[in-house]
Amino acid sequence: MKVDFNNAAQRHYFDAELLYDNSRWANADQLYGLSSECVLKRIISGLDPASVESSTGDFKTKSHRKHFDQDVTKDLWNYFSINFAGRLAANHPLPNNNEFSDWDIFQRYVHDNCIDQQRTAVHRSITISLQNLLQQLFTDGVIQ
C-alpha cells in the first residue's frame, strides 16, 4: 500500500469529528492526535521529500519519534518546529504552542474516563488549525 499522509490526516480528522459530536472523547482525542501527526508529516514530506521513506512513511533520520512525545528530544512537533517551521514562518506560521505535549499514542490503552471533553477540545482546536495550515500550503503552492 502507498503512504498518503494527506488522506490519512483528513480521514482521521473526519472520524474524530464524528466521535466528538457523539461525546466519544477518548477515541476522538486519539484521532485528532493522529490527524495532526499526519498533517505535520505531509508538510515535512512536501518540503523535503528525501527525508521520508515513500513506502513506509518513516523518517530516514531516527533522531525523533513518529508521534508526539512528552520527551521533547523525540517529539515530532519539536522536530518539525526546529527543522521546518522556519521555512513557513512568514506567511504560514505554525501555532505557537504544542498543545499535544500531553498527548501520546499509548493513551489508546487508557480507560476512556481518563480523557474528557476539555482535553479533547484543546486537541480538536489545534488539529483544525493544522488542517487549515495544510490547506493553505496547498493553495499557495508551497507544497504539491
N, C-alpha and C. Protein backbone atom coordinates (compact mmCIF):
# COMPACT_ATOMS: atom_id res chain seq x y z
N MET A 1 0.83 -1.19 0.00
CA MET A 1 0.00 0.00 0.00
C MET A 1 0.88 1.25 0.00
N LYS A 2 0.39 2.29 -0.60
CA LYS A 2 1.12 3.55 -0.69
C LYS A 2 0.76 4.46 0.49
N VAL A 3 1.77 5.07 1.06
CA VAL A 3 1.57 6.03 2.14
C VAL A 3 0.93 7.29 1.58
N ASP A 4 -0.11 7.80 2.24
CA ASP A 4 -0.78 9.03 1.83
C ASP A 4 -1.12 9.82 3.08
N PHE A 5 -0.18 10.66 3.52
CA PHE A 5 -0.37 11.43 4.74
C PHE A 5 -1.57 12.36 4.66
N ASN A 6 -1.79 12.96 3.50
CA ASN A 6 -2.90 13.90 3.35
C ASN A 6 -4.24 13.19 3.55
N ASN A 7 -4.43 12.07 2.87
CA ASN A 7 -5.68 11.34 3.02
C ASN A 7 -5.85 10.84 4.44
N ALA A 8 -4.78 10.33 5.04
CA ALA A 8 -4.86 9.85 6.42
C ALA A 8 -5.22 10.98 7.37
N ALA A 9 -4.63 12.15 7.17
CA ALA A 9 -4.94 13.30 8.03
C ALA A 9 -6.41 13.67 7.94
N GLN A 10 -6.93 13.70 6.74
CA GLN A 10 -8.36 14.03 6.56
C GLN A 10 -9.26 12.95 7.14
N ARG A 11 -8.94 11.70 6.86
CA ARG A 11 -9.76 10.58 7.34
C ARG A 11 -9.82 10.57 8.87
N HIS A 12 -8.67 10.70 9.51
CA HIS A 12 -8.64 10.70 10.98
C HIS A 12 -9.40 11.90 11.54
N TYR A 13 -9.25 13.04 10.88
CA TYR A 13 -9.96 14.25 11.33
C TYR A 13 -11.48 14.08 11.21
N PHE A 14 -11.94 13.62 10.06
CA PHE A 14 -13.39 13.46 9.86
C PHE A 14 -13.97 12.46 10.85
N ASP A 15 -13.27 11.36 11.08
CA ASP A 15 -13.75 10.37 12.04
C ASP A 15 -13.72 10.93 13.46
N ALA A 16 -12.69 11.71 13.79
CA ALA A 16 -12.62 12.35 15.11
C ALA A 16 -13.81 13.28 15.31
N GLU A 17 -14.17 14.02 14.28
CA GLU A 17 -15.32 14.91 14.39
C GLU A 17 -16.61 14.14 14.66
N LEU A 18 -16.79 13.00 14.01
CA LEU A 18 -17.97 12.18 14.27
C LEU A 18 -18.00 11.71 15.72
N LEU A 19 -16.86 11.27 16.20
CA LEU A 19 -16.78 10.81 17.58
C LEU A 19 -16.97 11.97 18.56
N TYR A 20 -16.39 13.12 18.26
CA TYR A 20 -16.53 14.30 19.12
C TYR A 20 -18.00 14.70 19.23
N ASP A 21 -18.70 14.71 18.10
CA ASP A 21 -20.11 15.08 18.09
C ASP A 21 -20.97 14.10 18.88
N ASN A 22 -20.43 12.90 19.13
CA ASN A 22 -21.16 11.89 19.89
C ASN A 22 -20.55 11.66 21.28
N SER A 23 -19.80 12.64 21.74
CA SER A 23 -19.21 12.63 23.09
C SER A 23 -18.33 11.42 23.36
N ARG A 24 -17.66 10.94 22.35
CA ARG A 24 -16.73 9.81 22.48
C ARG A 24 -15.31 10.41 22.55
N TRP A 25 -15.03 11.04 23.70
CA TRP A 25 -13.85 11.88 23.85
C TRP A 25 -12.55 11.11 23.65
N ALA A 26 -12.40 9.94 24.25
CA ALA A 26 -11.12 9.24 24.20
C ALA A 26 -10.71 8.87 22.77
N ASN A 27 -11.62 8.30 22.02
CA ASN A 27 -11.27 7.92 20.65
C ASN A 27 -11.16 9.14 19.74
N ALA A 28 -11.99 10.14 19.95
CA ALA A 28 -11.85 11.39 19.19
C ALA A 28 -10.47 11.99 19.44
N ASP A 29 -10.05 12.00 20.69
CA ASP A 29 -8.76 12.57 21.05
C ASP A 29 -7.62 11.84 20.35
N GLN A 30 -7.68 10.52 20.32
CA GLN A 30 -6.64 9.75 19.63
C GLN A 30 -6.58 10.12 18.16
N LEU A 31 -7.74 10.23 17.53
CA LEU A 31 -7.77 10.52 16.10
C LEU A 31 -7.34 11.95 15.80
N TYR A 32 -7.62 12.90 16.70
CA TYR A 32 -7.11 14.26 16.49
C TYR A 32 -5.58 14.24 16.53
N GLY A 33 -5.01 13.49 17.45
CA GLY A 33 -3.56 13.38 17.51
C GLY A 33 -2.98 12.75 16.26
N LEU A 34 -3.59 11.68 15.80
CA LEU A 34 -3.10 11.02 14.59
C LEU A 34 -3.25 11.93 13.37
N SER A 35 -4.37 12.63 13.28
CA SER A 35 -4.57 13.55 12.17
C SER A 35 -3.50 14.64 12.16
N SER A 36 -3.22 15.20 13.31
CA SER A 36 -2.23 16.27 13.39
C SER A 36 -0.84 15.75 13.05
N GLU A 37 -0.51 14.56 13.50
CA GLU A 37 0.77 13.98 13.12
C GLU A 37 0.86 13.81 11.61
N CYS A 38 -0.21 13.35 11.01
CA CYS A 38 -0.21 13.16 9.55
C CYS A 38 -0.07 14.49 8.82
N VAL A 39 -0.67 15.54 9.35
CA VAL A 39 -0.52 16.87 8.74
C VAL A 39 0.96 17.27 8.77
N LEU A 40 1.58 17.16 9.93
CA LEU A 40 2.99 17.55 10.02
C LEU A 40 3.86 16.69 9.10
N LYS A 41 3.59 15.40 9.05
CA LYS A 41 4.36 14.52 8.16
C LYS A 41 4.13 14.88 6.69
N ARG A 42 2.91 15.28 6.35
CA ARG A 42 2.63 15.69 4.96
C ARG A 42 3.40 16.95 4.61
N ILE A 43 3.43 17.89 5.54
CA ILE A 43 4.17 19.12 5.29
C ILE A 43 5.67 18.83 5.17
N ILE A 44 6.21 18.01 6.07
CA ILE A 44 7.63 17.65 6.01
C ILE A 44 7.95 16.97 4.69
N SER A 45 7.12 16.01 4.30
CA SER A 45 7.39 15.29 3.05
C SER A 45 7.23 16.20 1.84
N GLY A 46 6.40 17.23 1.95
CA GLY A 46 6.26 18.20 0.86
C GLY A 46 7.43 19.14 0.77
N LEU A 47 7.99 19.53 1.91
CA LEU A 47 9.13 20.44 1.92
C LEU A 47 10.46 19.73 1.68
N ASP A 48 10.55 18.48 2.12
CA ASP A 48 11.79 17.73 1.99
C ASP A 48 11.46 16.26 1.69
N PRO A 49 11.07 15.97 0.44
CA PRO A 49 10.66 14.60 0.10
C PRO A 49 11.72 13.55 0.40
N ALA A 50 12.96 13.91 0.35
CA ALA A 50 14.03 12.94 0.58
C ALA A 50 14.13 12.51 2.05
N SER A 51 13.45 13.21 2.95
CA SER A 51 13.54 12.89 4.38
C SER A 51 12.62 11.75 4.80
N VAL A 52 11.72 11.33 3.89
CA VAL A 52 10.72 10.34 4.25
C VAL A 52 10.80 9.14 3.31
N GLU A 53 10.75 7.95 3.90
CA GLU A 53 10.68 6.72 3.10
C GLU A 53 9.28 6.64 2.48
N SER A 54 9.20 6.67 1.16
CA SER A 54 7.89 6.73 0.50
C SER A 54 7.06 5.47 0.70
N SER A 55 7.70 4.34 0.92
CA SER A 55 6.95 3.10 1.06
C SER A 55 6.39 2.87 2.46
N THR A 56 7.05 3.46 3.50
CA THR A 56 6.63 3.21 4.88
C THR A 56 6.13 4.46 5.60
N GLY A 57 6.53 5.63 5.12
CA GLY A 57 6.20 6.86 5.81
C GLY A 57 7.13 7.16 6.96
N ASP A 58 8.13 6.31 7.18
CA ASP A 58 9.11 6.54 8.24
C ASP A 58 10.10 7.61 7.82
N PHE A 59 10.61 8.32 8.80
CA PHE A 59 11.65 9.30 8.52
C PHE A 59 12.99 8.60 8.40
N LYS A 60 13.81 9.07 7.49
CA LYS A 60 15.11 8.45 7.27
C LYS A 60 16.05 8.70 8.43
N THR A 61 15.88 9.81 9.12
CA THR A 61 16.64 10.06 10.34
C THR A 61 15.83 9.55 11.51
N LYS A 62 16.47 8.90 12.43
CA LYS A 62 15.77 8.31 13.57
C LYS A 62 15.98 9.14 14.83
N SER A 63 16.24 10.43 14.68
CA SER A 63 16.53 11.27 15.84
C SER A 63 15.29 11.65 16.63
N HIS A 64 14.13 11.27 16.16
CA HIS A 64 12.89 11.59 16.85
C HIS A 64 11.91 10.45 16.62
N ARG A 65 10.80 10.53 17.31
CA ARG A 65 9.77 9.51 17.15
C ARG A 65 8.81 9.89 16.05
N LYS A 66 7.97 8.96 15.70
CA LYS A 66 6.96 9.20 14.69
C LYS A 66 5.79 9.99 15.26
N HIS A 67 5.66 9.99 16.58
CA HIS A 67 4.48 10.56 17.23
C HIS A 67 4.87 11.75 18.11
N PHE A 68 3.85 12.41 18.62
CA PHE A 68 4.09 13.41 19.65
C PHE A 68 4.57 12.67 20.89
N ASP A 69 5.45 13.28 21.63
CA ASP A 69 6.03 12.60 22.78
C ASP A 69 6.35 13.64 23.84
N GLN A 70 6.19 13.28 25.08
CA GLN A 70 6.48 14.21 26.17
C GLN A 70 7.98 14.45 26.32
N ASP A 71 8.79 13.58 25.78
CA ASP A 71 10.24 13.77 25.73
C ASP A 71 10.53 14.65 24.51
N VAL A 72 10.85 15.91 24.74
CA VAL A 72 10.99 16.88 23.66
C VAL A 72 12.06 16.48 22.65
N THR A 73 13.04 15.70 23.06
CA THR A 73 14.08 15.29 22.13
C THR A 73 13.59 14.27 21.12
N LYS A 74 12.46 13.64 21.38
CA LYS A 74 11.91 12.63 20.49
C LYS A 74 10.60 13.07 19.84
N ASP A 75 10.15 14.24 20.15
CA ASP A 75 8.82 14.68 19.76
C ASP A 75 8.74 15.17 18.31
N LEU A 76 7.71 14.73 17.59
CA LEU A 76 7.51 15.13 16.20
C LEU A 76 7.28 16.63 16.07
N TRP A 77 6.48 17.24 16.95
CA TRP A 77 6.22 18.68 16.91
C TRP A 77 7.54 19.43 17.05
N ASN A 78 8.36 19.03 18.00
CA ASN A 78 9.65 19.68 18.22
C ASN A 78 10.55 19.53 16.99
N TYR A 79 10.60 18.33 16.44
CA TYR A 79 11.39 18.08 15.24
C TYR A 79 10.91 18.99 14.10
N PHE A 80 9.61 19.09 13.92
CA PHE A 80 9.06 19.94 12.87
C PHE A 80 9.41 21.41 13.13
N SER A 81 9.22 21.84 14.38
CA SER A 81 9.48 23.23 14.73
C SER A 81 10.93 23.63 14.46
N ILE A 82 11.85 22.76 14.82
CA ILE A 82 13.28 23.06 14.65
C ILE A 82 13.69 23.03 13.18
N ASN A 83 13.20 22.05 12.44
CA ASN A 83 13.71 21.81 11.09
C ASN A 83 12.88 22.40 9.95
N PHE A 84 11.61 22.69 10.17
CA PHE A 84 10.77 23.08 9.05
C PHE A 84 9.91 24.33 9.28
N ALA A 85 9.53 24.62 10.50
CA ALA A 85 8.63 25.75 10.75
C ALA A 85 9.21 27.07 10.29
N GLY A 86 10.53 27.22 10.38
CA GLY A 86 11.17 28.45 9.94
C GLY A 86 10.95 28.73 8.46
N ARG A 87 10.85 27.70 7.66
CA ARG A 87 10.62 27.87 6.22
C ARG A 87 9.22 28.42 5.94
N LEU A 88 8.32 28.25 6.89
CA LEU A 88 6.93 28.66 6.69
C LEU A 88 6.56 29.92 7.47
N ALA A 89 7.41 30.33 8.39
CA ALA A 89 7.07 31.33 9.40
C ALA A 89 6.44 32.60 8.87
N ALA A 90 6.96 33.15 7.81
CA ALA A 90 6.48 34.46 7.35
C ALA A 90 4.99 34.45 6.98
N ASN A 91 4.59 33.54 6.13
CA ASN A 91 3.21 33.54 5.65
C ASN A 91 2.36 32.39 6.16
N HIS A 92 3.01 31.39 6.76
CA HIS A 92 2.30 30.19 7.18
C HIS A 92 2.81 29.71 8.54
N PRO A 93 2.58 30.50 9.58
CA PRO A 93 3.16 30.13 10.88
C PRO A 93 2.50 28.90 11.50
N LEU A 94 3.33 28.12 12.15
CA LEU A 94 2.86 27.01 12.96
C LEU A 94 2.27 27.61 14.24
N PRO A 95 1.18 27.05 14.75
CA PRO A 95 0.68 27.56 16.04
C PRO A 95 1.81 27.59 17.07
N ASN A 96 1.79 28.61 17.92
CA ASN A 96 2.90 28.86 18.85
C ASN A 96 3.16 27.72 19.83
N ASN A 97 2.11 27.16 20.38
CA ASN A 97 2.28 26.16 21.42
C ASN A 97 1.95 24.77 20.92
N ASN A 98 2.71 23.81 21.39
CA ASN A 98 2.42 22.42 21.10
C ASN A 98 1.35 21.95 22.08
N GLU A 99 0.12 22.03 21.66
CA GLU A 99 -0.99 21.61 22.52
C GLU A 99 -1.07 20.09 22.63
N PHE A 100 -0.21 19.39 21.92
CA PHE A 100 -0.17 17.93 22.03
C PHE A 100 0.94 17.46 22.97
N SER A 101 1.51 18.37 23.76
CA SER A 101 2.58 17.97 24.67
C SER A 101 2.09 16.99 25.73
N ASP A 102 0.77 16.91 25.92
CA ASP A 102 0.20 15.97 26.90
C ASP A 102 -0.43 14.75 26.23
N TRP A 103 -0.21 14.61 24.92
CA TRP A 103 -0.81 13.52 24.14
C TRP A 103 0.26 12.50 23.82
N ASP A 104 -0.12 11.24 23.82
CA ASP A 104 0.81 10.18 23.44
C ASP A 104 0.00 9.06 22.80
N ILE A 105 0.57 8.42 21.81
CA ILE A 105 -0.11 7.33 21.11
C ILE A 105 -0.49 6.22 22.08
N PHE A 106 0.26 6.05 23.14
CA PHE A 106 -0.01 4.98 24.10
C PHE A 106 -1.24 5.23 24.94
N GLN A 107 -1.82 6.43 24.86
CA GLN A 107 -3.05 6.71 25.58
C GLN A 107 -4.23 5.93 25.01
N ARG A 108 -4.02 5.27 23.89
CA ARG A 108 -5.09 4.44 23.35
C ARG A 108 -5.41 3.29 24.29
N TYR A 109 -4.52 3.01 25.23
CA TYR A 109 -4.72 1.91 26.16
C TYR A 109 -5.38 2.34 27.47
N VAL A 110 -5.53 3.63 27.70
CA VAL A 110 -6.08 4.09 28.97
C VAL A 110 -7.61 3.96 28.99
N HIS A 111 -8.14 3.97 30.18
CA HIS A 111 -9.59 3.92 30.34
C HIS A 111 -10.19 5.20 29.78
N ASP A 112 -11.35 5.09 29.15
CA ASP A 112 -11.91 6.28 28.48
C ASP A 112 -12.29 7.40 29.43
N ASN A 113 -12.46 7.12 30.72
CA ASN A 113 -12.79 8.22 31.63
C ASN A 113 -11.57 9.08 31.97
N CYS A 114 -10.40 8.70 31.47
CA CYS A 114 -9.18 9.49 31.68
C CYS A 114 -9.09 10.67 30.71
N ILE A 115 -9.89 10.65 29.65
CA ILE A 115 -9.83 11.69 28.62
C ILE A 115 -11.21 12.34 28.52
N ASP A 116 -11.26 13.63 28.85
CA ASP A 116 -12.55 14.32 28.92
C ASP A 116 -12.72 15.31 27.76
N GLN A 117 -13.86 15.96 27.76
CA GLN A 117 -14.19 16.89 26.67
C GLN A 117 -13.22 18.07 26.63
N GLN A 118 -12.84 18.59 27.77
CA GLN A 118 -11.96 19.76 27.79
C GLN A 118 -10.61 19.44 27.14
N ARG A 119 -10.03 18.32 27.51
CA ARG A 119 -8.75 17.90 26.92
C ARG A 119 -8.90 17.69 25.42
N THR A 120 -9.97 17.02 25.03
CA THR A 120 -10.20 16.72 23.63
C THR A 120 -10.45 18.00 22.83
N ALA A 121 -11.15 18.95 23.42
CA ALA A 121 -11.44 20.22 22.73
C ALA A 121 -10.16 20.99 22.40
N VAL A 122 -9.18 20.94 23.29
CA VAL A 122 -7.91 21.60 23.03
C VAL A 122 -7.22 20.94 21.83
N HIS A 123 -7.22 19.62 21.82
CA HIS A 123 -6.58 18.89 20.70
C HIS A 123 -7.37 19.08 19.41
N ARG A 124 -8.66 19.18 19.52
CA ARG A 124 -9.50 19.44 18.34
C ARG A 124 -9.14 20.79 17.73
N SER A 125 -9.02 21.80 18.57
CA SER A 125 -8.74 23.15 18.11
C SER A 125 -7.40 23.22 17.36
N ILE A 126 -6.36 22.62 17.91
CA ILE A 126 -5.06 22.67 17.24
C ILE A 126 -5.08 21.85 15.97
N THR A 127 -5.84 20.76 15.95
CA THR A 127 -5.96 19.94 14.74
C THR A 127 -6.62 20.75 13.63
N ILE A 128 -7.64 21.49 13.96
CA ILE A 128 -8.30 22.35 12.97
C ILE A 128 -7.31 23.38 12.43
N SER A 129 -6.51 23.97 13.31
CA SER A 129 -5.51 24.95 12.87
C SER A 129 -4.50 24.31 11.92
N LEU A 130 -4.06 23.10 12.25
CA LEU A 130 -3.09 22.42 11.39
C LEU A 130 -3.72 22.01 10.06
N GLN A 131 -4.96 21.57 10.08
CA GLN A 131 -5.66 21.24 8.83
C GLN A 131 -5.74 22.48 7.94
N ASN A 132 -6.07 23.62 8.53
CA ASN A 132 -6.15 24.87 7.78
C ASN A 132 -4.79 25.27 7.22
N LEU A 133 -3.73 25.09 8.01
CA LEU A 133 -2.38 25.38 7.56
C LEU A 133 -2.03 24.52 6.35
N LEU A 134 -2.32 23.24 6.42
CA LEU A 134 -2.03 22.35 5.30
C LEU A 134 -2.77 22.79 4.05
N GLN A 135 -4.03 23.11 4.18
CA GLN A 135 -4.81 23.56 3.01
C GLN A 135 -4.22 24.83 2.41
N GLN A 136 -3.78 25.75 3.29
CA GLN A 136 -3.20 27.00 2.80
C GLN A 136 -1.89 26.74 2.07
N LEU A 137 -1.11 25.78 2.55
CA LEU A 137 0.15 25.46 1.88
C LEU A 137 -0.10 24.89 0.49
N PHE A 138 -1.15 24.07 0.35
CA PHE A 138 -1.52 23.57 -0.98
C PHE A 138 -2.00 24.72 -1.85
N THR A 139 -2.89 25.54 -1.33
CA THR A 139 -3.46 26.66 -2.10
C THR A 139 -2.38 27.61 -2.57
N ASP A 140 -1.41 27.91 -1.71
CA ASP A 140 -0.35 28.85 -2.06
C ASP A 140 0.79 28.21 -2.85
N GLY A 141 0.68 26.91 -3.11
CA GLY A 141 1.70 26.22 -3.90
C GLY A 141 3.01 25.97 -3.19
N VAL A 142 3.00 26.07 -1.87
CA VAL A 142 4.22 25.82 -1.10
C VAL A 142 4.57 24.34 -1.16
N ILE A 143 3.55 23.50 -1.10
CA ILE A 143 3.74 22.05 -1.29
C ILE A 143 2.75 21.59 -2.36
N GLN A 144 3.09 20.50 -2.99
CA GLN A 144 2.24 19.97 -4.08
C GLN A 144 1.47 18.77 -3.58
